[in-house]
Amino acid sequence: MNIETNKIAGAVFGSLLFVVGVNVIAGGLFSPHKPAVPGYDLPAPEEGAAAGAGAAAAPAEPLPVLLAKADATKGQAQARKCASCHTFEEGGPNKVGPNLHGVVGRPVASHEGFNYSAGMKAHGGDWTYEALDAFVHNPKKATPGTIMAFAGLAGAQDRADLLAYLKSISPSAPPFPEASAAAPANGAAPAAAPAAAGAPAAPAAQ
């Protein structure tokens, strides 16, 4: 009986020694890397990413430049996103939002028969191209308190196309603002001014 007990005890003891030995060996082979400072080691940025981060972002084109190349037909397609809440034809009914025929140039919150929110009534002013662009981009930011649920139209050229369409259905709409000569439409830098009379000419590049 004692011999059997000793055999069992020896087998258990041998198994424990084996498990401990395996854990020691595994710990040496697969020990985790510990950072010098507690926390997470972040991967080093790639060279290309570092170079791209240092480069200045391309400047956005001003609204007059975008309007100068806007397409009212594309804007009509953009307006379909608004058709569930607005009508665009002359004399069209108000829906969740007011009819937008003739909206460009008219006073804000002025369409007859529509119950505007307090935020829209407090907006004031007229619907200029700049005001419409800001509102369509981010209604909640442009007019705090508006109940319009539309999240906004992110693309600057998409908004310009939409404004071109709204202008086309607004008989009294003002003309588009002219693009500044200091901001060419193609984004190229303005040409250098000619040298003053009598000034030495710059040597030609070799």
Foldseek 3Di string as FASTA:
>chain_A
DVVVVVVVVVVVVVVVVVVVVVVVVCCVVDPDDQDPDPDDDDDDDDPVVVVVVPDDDQDDADLLLLLVPAALVLLVVVCVVVVVQEAAAVPDCGGVHYHLQQQAFAWFPPDPPDDFWPQRVVLTDGRHLVLQLVCQAAVCVSGPRGPDPDGHDPDSSNSSNNVVNSQVRNPPHDDRDHDDPCQDSVRDHDDDDDDDPPDDDDDDDD
